[in-house]
Protein backbone atom coordinates (compact mmCIF):
# COMPACT_ATOMS: atom_id res chain seq x y z
CA ILE A 1 11.88 -16.54 8.52
CA ASP A 2 14.23 -19.53 8.44
CA LYS A 3 11.47 -21.88 9.64
CA ALA A 4 9.00 -20.48 7.09
CA VAL A 5 11.56 -20.93 4.30
CA GLU A 6 12.16 -24.50 5.47
CA LEU A 7 8.44 -25.31 5.57
CA LEU A 8 7.46 -23.50 2.36
CA GLY A 9 10.58 -23.89 0.25
CA GLY A 10 11.04 -20.13 -0.07
CA LEU A 11 9.25 -16.85 0.51
CA ASP A 12 8.02 -13.99 -1.63
CA GLY A 13 5.42 -12.42 0.62
CA LEU A 14 4.90 -11.33 4.21
CA VAL A 15 1.74 -10.12 5.96
CA ASN A 16 2.17 -8.53 9.39
CA ASN A 17 -1.20 -9.04 11.07
CA ALA A 18 -0.55 -9.25 14.81
CA GLY A 19 -1.75 -6.38 16.92
CA ILE A 20 -3.22 -5.28 20.21
CA CYS A 21 -5.48 -2.44 21.27
CA ASN A 22 -5.59 -1.80 24.99
CA ILE A 23 -8.59 0.19 26.10
CA ASP A 24 -6.95 2.74 28.38
CA ASN A 25 -10.01 5.01 28.77
CA GLY A 26 -8.29 8.20 27.71
CA PHE A 27 -4.88 9.82 27.45
CA LEU A 28 -4.58 10.50 31.20
CA ASN A 29 -5.13 6.83 32.07
CA VAL A 30 -2.49 5.26 29.80
CA THR A 31 0.09 3.33 31.80
CA VAL A 32 3.71 2.79 30.87
CA GLU A 33 3.01 -0.95 30.69
CA SER A 34 0.08 -0.54 28.31
CA TYR A 35 2.00 1.91 26.12
CA ASP A 36 5.05 -0.38 25.92
CA GLU A 37 2.94 -3.47 25.20
CA GLN A 38 1.18 -1.81 22.28
CA PHE A 39 4.36 -0.39 20.75
CA LEU A 40 6.15 -3.73 21.17
CA LEU A 41 3.49 -5.77 19.41
CA ASN A 42 2.19 -3.22 16.90
CA VAL A 43 5.45 -1.54 15.80
CA LYS A 44 8.65 -3.18 17.01
CA SER A 45 7.72 -6.80 16.25
CA PRO A 46 6.54 -6.27 12.64
CA PHE A 47 9.44 -3.88 12.02
CA PHE A 48 12.05 -6.51 12.86
CA LEU A 49 10.13 -9.37 11.22
CA THR A 50 10.00 -7.29 8.03
CA GLN A 51 13.70 -6.52 8.36
CA ALA A 52 14.44 -10.27 8.50
CA PHE A 53 12.16 -10.88 5.50
CA VAL A 54 13.79 -8.11 3.43
CA LYS A 55 17.26 -9.48 4.33
CA TYR A 56 16.13 -12.92 3.17
CA CYS A 57 14.81 -11.48 -0.11
CA THR A 58 17.93 -9.44 -0.85
CA ASP A 59 20.34 -12.21 0.21
CA ASN A 60 18.51 -14.75 -1.97
CA ALA A 61 17.90 -12.47 -4.97
CA VAL A 62 14.13 -12.86 -4.77
CA GLN A 63 12.98 -11.04 -7.93
CA SER A 64 9.62 -9.80 -6.64
CA ALA A 65 8.29 -9.73 -3.08
CA GLY A 66 5.37 -8.10 -1.32
CA VAL A 67 5.13 -6.90 2.28
CA VAL A 68 1.78 -5.99 3.80
CA PHE A 69 1.18 -4.46 7.22
CA ILE A 70 -2.29 -4.52 8.73
CA THR A 71 -2.71 -1.13 10.35
CA SER A 72 -6.03 0.55 11.21
CA GLU A 73 -8.21 3.45 10.20
CA ARG A 74 -7.29 4.77 13.67
CA GLY A 75 -3.83 5.51 12.26
CA MET A 76 -5.32 7.77 9.59
CA TYR A 77 -6.38 10.61 11.90
CA PRO A 78 -4.97 12.33 15.01
CA ASP A 79 -5.16 10.14 18.08
CA ASP A 80 -3.79 10.46 21.60
CA ALA A 81 -4.11 6.75 22.33
CA PRO A 82 -1.07 4.49 21.98
CA TYR A 83 -3.03 2.21 19.61
CA GLY A 84 -3.65 5.01 17.10
CA MET A 85 -0.06 6.22 17.40
CA THR A 86 1.29 2.74 16.68
CA LYS A 87 -0.90 2.42 13.63
CA ALA A 88 0.17 5.86 12.35
CA ALA A 89 3.79 4.74 12.67
CA ILE A 90 3.11 1.93 10.19
CA GLY A 91 2.48 4.47 7.41
CA ASN A 92 5.95 5.90 7.96
CA ILE A 93 7.57 2.46 8.07
CA ILE A 94 6.02 1.26 4.81
CA ALA A 95 6.88 4.47 2.98
CA GLY A 96 10.51 4.12 4.01
CA ILE A 97 10.75 0.44 3.06
CA ALA A 98 8.98 1.09 -0.26
CA ARG A 99 11.42 3.83 -1.19
CA GLN A 100 14.57 2.05 -0.03
CA PHE A 101 13.91 -1.36 -1.59
CA ALA A 102 11.98 -0.50 -4.77
CA THR A 103 14.99 -1.33 -6.94
CA LYS A 104 15.22 -4.75 -5.25
CA GLY A 105 11.72 -5.74 -6.40
CA ILE A 106 10.16 -5.37 -2.95
CA HIS A 107 6.85 -3.53 -2.71
CA CYS A 108 5.49 -2.64 0.72
CA ASN A 109 1.99 -1.43 1.60
CA ALA A 110 -0.52 -1.41 4.42
CA ILE A 111 -4.21 -2.03 4.82
CA ALA A 112 -6.19 0.20 7.20
CA PRO A 113 -9.30 -1.74 8.20
CA GLY A 114 -12.19 -0.05 9.92
CA PHE A 115 -14.69 -2.07 11.93
CA ILE A 116 -14.13 -5.73 11.04
CA VAL A 117 -16.32 -8.41 12.59
CA THR A 118 -14.08 -10.69 14.66
CA GLU A 119 -14.17 -12.29 18.10
CA MET A 120 -12.12 -9.34 19.38
CA THR A 121 -14.49 -6.67 18.00
CA ASP A 122 -17.77 -8.52 18.47
CA ALA A 123 -20.56 -6.08 19.22
CA THR A 124 -22.60 -8.13 21.66
CA THR A 125 -25.43 -5.74 22.48
CA ASP A 126 -27.95 -4.05 20.22
CA ALA A 127 -26.57 -0.65 21.32
CA GLN A 128 -23.01 -1.63 20.35
CA ARG A 129 -24.13 -2.97 16.98
CA LYS A 130 -26.16 0.20 16.32
CA PHE A 131 -23.17 2.39 17.26
CA TRP A 132 -20.94 0.66 14.69
CA MET A 133 -23.56 0.37 11.99
CA ASP A 134 -24.49 4.06 12.27
CA MET A 135 -20.83 5.05 11.83
CA VAL A 136 -19.97 2.86 8.83
CA PRO A 137 -21.43 4.23 5.56
CA MET A 138 -21.99 0.70 4.22
CA ARG A 139 -24.05 -0.01 7.37
CA ARG A 140 -22.23 -3.25 8.12
CA GLY A 141 -19.01 -4.51 9.58
CA GLY A 142 -16.31 -5.77 7.26
CA GLN A 143 -15.53 -9.45 6.98
CA THR A 144 -12.06 -10.86 7.59
CA GLU A 145 -12.12 -12.35 4.09
CA GLU A 146 -12.50 -8.87 2.62
CA VAL A 147 -9.30 -7.71 4.32
CA ALA A 148 -7.55 -10.97 3.38
CA ASN A 149 -8.42 -10.45 -0.30
CA VAL A 150 -6.83 -6.99 -0.26
CA ALA A 151 -3.75 -8.46 1.45
CA LEU A 152 -3.47 -11.20 -1.18
CA PHE A 153 -3.57 -8.60 -3.94
CA LEU A 154 -1.05 -6.28 -2.27
CA ALA A 155 1.40 -9.11 -1.56
CA SER A 156 1.17 -10.44 -5.12
CA ASP A 157 2.91 -9.46 -8.33
CA LEU A 158 -0.42 -7.96 -9.46
CA ALA A 159 0.44 -5.06 -7.13
CA SER A 160 4.13 -4.85 -7.98
CA TYR A 161 3.81 -1.16 -8.97
CA VAL A 162 1.80 -0.26 -5.86
CA SER A 163 4.20 0.58 -3.06
CA GLY A 164 4.26 2.82 -0.02
CA GLN A 165 0.47 3.04 0.14
CA VAL A 166 -2.05 2.67 2.94
CA ILE A 167 -5.24 1.20 1.50
CA ASN A 168 -8.43 1.86 3.47
CA CYS A 169 -10.71 -1.14 3.89
CA CYS A 170 -13.37 0.44 6.03
CA GLY A 171 -16.73 0.48 4.28
CA GLY A 172 -16.29 4.15 3.36
CA LEU A 173 -15.68 5.37 6.93
CA THR A 174 -12.29 6.98 6.27
CA PRO A 175 -11.78 8.76 2.93
């Protein structure tokens, strides 16, 4: 936070976008190492980064600030995989931050992307592409720019009255 303030001259927004999804091939195959790695990167790291950001905002009387977590549609339904559990935890975190810091001008939300076309999610075979396209009602993968545009809105003053919400960005896959 201190380095960002130094480089940018101040802060009024934070987007937590780091994450990892280990493919453990089912509940019975999850290792302690895989579980810990996913909770460290997907929950603990953004939790404490957000804590530092909120401290900065309150200590410096920032009038309006937005926090956005990138979660996943996997956090919107029951899941026995550590990835889904970490993403479900984000909904609880943002609701708590939104409630506690509303009077300080801090609004906190999350975006739950579905299948987004990236290097990490690249469907390289026709069968993989068909699997994803048959699942997504819009019949296409989302673009990173589409998620970024939602994040820009949620972090901005345009969304100052939107707080504690998880916004689906999934082509209609998750209601």
